[in-house]
C-alpha atoms as a PDB file:
ATOM      1  CA  MET A   1     144.185 -56.645-183.725  1.00  0.00           C
ATOM      2  CA  THR A   2     147.751 -56.784-182.519  1.00  0.00           C
ATOM      3  CA  ALA A   3     149.668 -53.675-181.613  1.00  0.00           C
ATOM      4  CA  ILE A   4     151.998 -54.155-184.588  1.00  0.00           C
ATOM      5  CA  ALA A   5     149.118 -53.969-187.104  1.00  0.00           C
ATOM      6  CA  LYS A   6     148.037 -50.520-185.918  1.00  0.00           C
ATOM      7  CA  LYS A   7     149.734 -47.504-187.494  1.00  0.00           C
ATOM      8  CA  THR A   8     148.833 -44.703-185.087  1.00  0.00           C
ATOM      9  CA  PHE A   9     148.417 -44.841-181.321  1.00  0.00           C
ATOM     10  CA  ASP A  10     146.615 -42.307-179.141  1.00  0.00           C
ATOM     11  CA  ILE A  11     148.639 -41.480-176.037  1.00  0.00           C
ATOM     12  CA  LEU A  12     147.164 -39.349-173.250  1.00  0.00           C
ATOM     13  CA  LEU A  13     149.862 -37.528-171.295  1.00  0.00           C
ATOM     14  CA  VAL A  14     148.539 -36.310-167.949  1.00  0.00           C
ATOM     15  CA  GLU A  15     151.063 -33.711-166.832  1.00  0.00           C
ATOM     16  CA  ASP A  16     150.709 -30.229-165.338  1.00  0.00           C
ATOM     17  CA  ASN A  17     154.342 -29.114-165.569  1.00  0.00           C
ATOM     18  CA  PRO A  18     154.900 -27.323-168.917  1.00  0.00           C
ATOM     19  CA  ALA A  19     158.624 -28.167-168.849  1.00  0.00           C
ATOM     20  CA  ASP A  20     157.857 -31.896-168.428  1.00  0.00           C
ATOM     21  CA  VAL A  21     155.224 -31.727-171.194  1.00  0.00           C
ATOM     22  CA  ARG A  22     157.801 -30.114-173.489  1.00  0.00           C
ATOM     23  CA  LEU A  23     160.433 -32.707-172.527  1.00  0.00           C
ATOM     24  CA  THR A  24     158.000 -35.556-173.228  1.00  0.00           C
ATOM     25  CA  LEU A  25     156.956 -34.022-176.556  1.00  0.00           C
ATOM     26  CA  GLU A  26     160.615 -33.696-177.550  1.00  0.00           C
ATOM     27  CA  ALA A  27     161.425 -37.257-176.486  1.00  0.00           C
ATOM     28  CA  LEU A  28     158.405 -38.674-178.301  1.00  0.00           C
ATOM     29  CA  GLY A  29     159.119 -36.398-181.253  1.00  0.00           C
ATOM     30  CA  GLU A  30     162.302 -38.359-181.867  1.00  0.00           C
ATOM     31  CA  MET A  31     160.189 -41.453-182.499  1.00  0.00           C
ATOM     32  CA  PRO A  32     158.627 -42.403-185.814  1.00  0.00           C
ATOM     33  CA  ARG A  33     155.255 -40.788-186.569  1.00  0.00           C
ATOM     34  CA  GLU A  34     153.159 -43.476-184.927  1.00  0.00           C
ATOM     35  CA  LYS A  35     151.556 -41.552-182.123  1.00  0.00           C
ATOM     36  CA  ASN A  36     148.943 -38.916-181.502  1.00  0.00           C
ATOM     37  CA  LEU A  37     149.787 -37.242-178.196  1.00  0.00           C
ATOM     38  CA  ILE A  38     146.995 -35.567-176.247  1.00  0.00           C
ATOM     39  CA  VAL A  39     147.897 -33.547-173.139  1.00  0.00           C
ATOM     40  CA  ALA A  40     145.665 -33.163-170.073  1.00  0.00           C
ATOM     41  CA  LYS A  41     146.968 -30.562-167.610  1.00  0.00           C
ATOM     42  CA  ASP A  42     145.216 -31.925-164.515  1.00  0.00           C
ATOM     43  CA  GLY A  43     143.418 -34.988-163.214  1.00  0.00           C
ATOM     44  CA  GLU A  44     139.908 -33.704-163.904  1.00  0.00           C
ATOM     45  CA  GLU A  45     140.790 -32.948-167.517  1.00  0.00           C
ATOM     46  CA  ALA A  46     142.225 -36.465-167.894  1.00  0.00           C
ATOM     47  CA  ILE A  47     139.004 -38.067-166.658  1.00  0.00           C
ATOM     48  CA  GLU A  48     136.907 -35.835-168.939  1.00  0.00           C
ATOM     49  CA  TYR A  49     139.048 -36.853-171.896  1.00  0.00           C
ATOM     50  CA  VAL A  50     138.818 -40.618-171.336  1.00  0.00           C
ATOM     51  CA  LYS A  51     135.087 -40.389-170.641  1.00  0.00           C
ATOM     52  CA  GLY A  52     134.491 -38.107-173.641  1.00  0.00           C
ATOM     53  CA  THR A  53     132.735 -35.436-171.581  1.00  0.00           C
ATOM     54  CA  GLY A  54     132.978 -31.654-171.210  1.00  0.00           C
ATOM     55  CA  ILE A  55     135.222 -29.998-173.777  1.00  0.00           C
ATOM     56  CA  PHE A  56     136.305 -33.498-174.861  1.00  0.00           C
ATOM     57  CA  SER A  57     132.810 -34.613-175.844  1.00  0.00           C
ATOM     58  CA  GLY A  58     133.099 -37.399-178.377  1.00  0.00           C
ATOM     59  CA  SER A  59     136.847 -37.952-177.920  1.00  0.00           C
ATOM     60  CA  SER A  60     138.153 -41.456-178.519  1.00  0.00           C
ATOM     61  CA  LYS A  61     139.705 -43.471-175.725  1.00  0.00           C
ATOM     62  CA  PRO A  62     143.508 -43.402-175.657  1.00  0.00           C
ATOM     63  CA  ASP A  63     145.531 -46.551-176.283  1.00  0.00           C
ATOM     64  CA  LEU A  64     147.863 -45.668-173.403  1.00  0.00           C
ATOM     65  CA  ILE A  65     147.906 -43.158-170.554  1.00  0.00           C
ATOM     66  CA  LEU A  66     151.126 -41.629-169.198  1.00  0.00           C
ATOM     67  CA  LEU A  67     150.144 -40.380-165.750  1.00  0.00           C
ATOM     68  CA  ASP A  68     152.016 -38.080-163.402  1.00  0.00           C
ATOM     69  CA  LEU A  69     151.159 -38.412-159.711  1.00  0.00           C
ATOM     70  CA  ASN A  70     151.426 -34.791-158.568  1.00  0.00           C
ATOM     71  CA  LEU A  71     148.529 -33.104-160.339  1.00  0.00           C
ATOM     72  CA  PRO A  72     146.095 -30.315-159.487  1.00  0.00           C
ATOM     73  CA  LYS A  73     142.350 -30.869-159.006  1.00  0.00           C
ATOM     74  CA  LYS A  74     142.682 -34.696-158.904  1.00  0.00           C
ATOM     75  CA  ASN A  75     146.046 -36.230-158.188  1.00  0.00           C
ATOM     76  CA  GLY A  76     147.384 -39.228-160.076  1.00  0.00           C
ATOM     77  CA  PHE A  77     146.249 -41.678-157.399  1.00  0.00           C
ATOM     78  CA  GLU A  78     142.670 -40.388-157.656  1.00  0.00           C
ATOM     79  CA  VAL A  79     142.768 -40.562-161.456  1.00  0.00           C
ATOM     80  CA  LEU A  80     144.151 -44.093-161.345  1.00  0.00           C
ATOM     81  CA  ARG A  81     141.493 -45.179-158.825  1.00  0.00           C
ATOM     82  CA  GLU A  82     138.707 -43.750-160.980  1.00  0.00           C
ATOM     83  CA  LEU A  83     140.048 -45.332-164.163  1.00  0.00           C
ATOM     84  CA  LYS A  84     140.642 -48.762-162.689  1.00  0.00           C
ATOM     85  CA  THR A  85     137.248 -49.007-160.971  1.00  0.00           C
ATOM     86  CA  ASP A  86     135.349 -48.249-164.183  1.00  0.00           C
ATOM     87  CA  PRO A  87     134.527 -51.471-166.100  1.00  0.00           C
ATOM     88  CA  VAL A  88     135.237 -49.876-169.497  1.00  0.00           C
ATOM     89  CA  LEU A  89     138.158 -47.593-168.644  1.00  0.00           C
ATOM     90  CA  ARG A  90     140.082 -50.146-166.576  1.00  0.00           C
ATOM     91  CA  ARG A  91     141.317 -51.802-169.769  1.00  0.00           C
ATOM     92  CA  ILE A  92     143.316 -48.737-170.826  1.00  0.00           C
ATOM     93  CA  PRO A  93     146.946 -49.347-169.833  1.00  0.00           C
ATOM     94  CA  VAL A  94     148.270 -46.717-167.436  1.00  0.00           C
ATOM     95  CA  VAL A  95     151.980 -46.035-167.102  1.00  0.00           C
ATOM     96  CA  VAL A  96     152.811 -43.894-164.103  1.00  0.00           C
ATOM     97  CA  LEU A  97     155.518 -41.466-165.251  1.00  0.00           C
ATOM     98  CA  THR A  98     156.688 -39.431-162.282  1.00  0.00           C
ATOM     99  CA  THR A  99     159.720 -38.027-160.509  1.00  0.00           C
ATOM    100  CA  SER A 100     158.943 -39.959-157.325  1.00  0.00           C
ATOM    101  CA  ASN A 101     161.007 -43.001-156.456  1.00  0.00           C
ATOM    102  CA  SER A 102     159.139 -43.508-153.197  1.00  0.00           C
ATOM    103  CA  GLU A 103     158.456 -47.151-152.406  1.00  0.00           C
ATOM    104  CA  ARG A 104     155.146 -46.054-150.892  1.00  0.00           C
ATOM    105  CA  ASP A 105     154.096 -44.403-154.186  1.00  0.00           C
ATOM    106  CA  ILE A 106     155.178 -47.443-156.203  1.00  0.00           C
ATOM    107  CA  LEU A 107     153.222 -49.830-153.965  1.00  0.00           C
ATOM    108  CA  ALA A 108     150.173 -47.548-153.924  1.00  0.00           C
ATOM    109  CA  THR A 109     150.025 -47.247-157.713  1.00  0.00           C
ATOM    110  CA  PHE A 110     150.352 -50.983-158.255  1.00  0.00           C
ATOM    111  CA  SER A 111     147.694 -51.564-155.583  1.00  0.00           C
ATOM    112  CA  LEU A 112     145.478 -49.316-157.723  1.00  0.00           C
ATOM    113  CA  HIS A 113     146.325 -51.529-160.741  1.00  0.00           C
ATOM    114  CA  ALA A 114     148.793 -49.325-162.609  1.00  0.00           C
ATOM    115  CA  ASN A 115     150.301 -51.270-165.489  1.00  0.00           C
ATOM    116  CA  SER A 116     153.799 -49.846-165.127  1.00  0.00           C
ATOM    117  CA  TYR A 117     155.801 -47.343-163.080  1.00  0.00           C
ATOM    118  CA  ILE A 118     158.619 -45.284-164.559  1.00  0.00           C
ATOM    119  CA  GLN A 119     160.635 -42.757-162.623  1.00  0.00           C
ATOM    120  CA  LYS A 120     161.344 -39.829-164.951  1.00  0.00           C
ATOM    121  CA  PRO A 121     165.029 -39.737-165.797  1.00  0.00           C
ATOM    122  CA  VAL A 122     166.617 -36.329-165.215  1.00  0.00           C
ATOM    123  CA  GLU A 123     168.958 -36.352-168.224  1.00  0.00           C
ATOM    124  CA  PHE A 124     167.279 -35.770-171.593  1.00  0.00           C
ATOM    125  CA  GLY A 125     169.151 -38.637-173.290  1.00  0.00           C
ATOM    126  CA  ASN A 126     168.051 -41.044-170.575  1.00  0.00           C
ATOM    127  CA  PHE A 127     164.484 -39.746-170.859  1.00  0.00           C
ATOM    128  CA  VAL A 128     164.523 -40.366-174.619  1.00  0.00           C
ATOM    129  CA  ASP A 129     165.841 -43.888-173.965  1.00  0.00           C
ATOM    130  CA  ALA A 130     163.015 -44.499-171.459  1.00  0.00           C
ATOM    131  CA  MET A 131     160.412 -43.286-173.982  1.00  0.00           C
ATOM    132  CA  ARG A 132     161.969 -45.474-176.683  1.00  0.00           C
ATOM    133  CA  SER A 133     161.755 -48.505-174.374  1.00  0.00           C
ATOM    134  CA  LEU A 134     158.157 -47.618-173.554  1.00  0.00           C
ATOM    135  CA  ARG A 135     157.347 -47.444-177.267  1.00  0.00           C
ATOM    136  CA  VAL A 136     158.987 -50.767-178.044  1.00  0.00           C
ATOM    137  CA  TYR A 137     157.208 -52.514-175.193  1.00  0.00           C
ATOM    138  CA  TRP A 138     153.709 -51.028-175.483  1.00  0.00           C
ATOM    139  CA  PHE A 139     153.457 -50.532-179.251  1.00  0.00           C
ATOM    140  CA  GLU A 140     155.667 -53.227-180.755  1.00  0.00           C
ATOM    141  CA  THR A 141     155.904 -56.096-178.259  1.00  0.00           C
ATOM    142  CA  SER A 142     152.646 -55.975-176.336  1.00  0.00           C
ATOM    143  CA  SER A 143     149.118 -56.307-177.686  1.00  0.00           C
ATOM    144  CA  LEU A 144     146.868 -53.492-176.543  1.00  0.00           C
ATOM    145  CA  PRO A 145     143.176 -54.025-175.848  1.00  0.00           C
ATOM    146  CA  PRO A 146     140.797 -52.845-178.588  1.00  0.00           C
ATOM    147  CA  LYS A 147     139.059 -49.519-177.977  1.00  0.00           C
END
């Protein structure tokens, strides 16, 4: 199944900052109704969600993960390492979405097999543009792996 044939996509946003969650929800809210956004507030919650354990027992795997690096309990690097070393979970595309523009962070996330790295734009309009580009690439241009 190509990405274009699918009508709704499950996106897991892993973000602990309520203001950034709200900003992301607003930016994605300006897009057509083609997404189901799930929010995990820390790294442990993100892993529970993708594995379908704990309070997320029976949850479906997301089509895409938007992952912040600075998280409580398990940081983004730890989450990325755990996802990309699991034979089933490694297929889920992970876009690092963070404020850091550190070359060290960029290299580390790609060494852990992140699929993309986006520095969060500060201006809302630029953030909306970044989310629109993300949508076009991941949900219209690219083919996502089946769940």
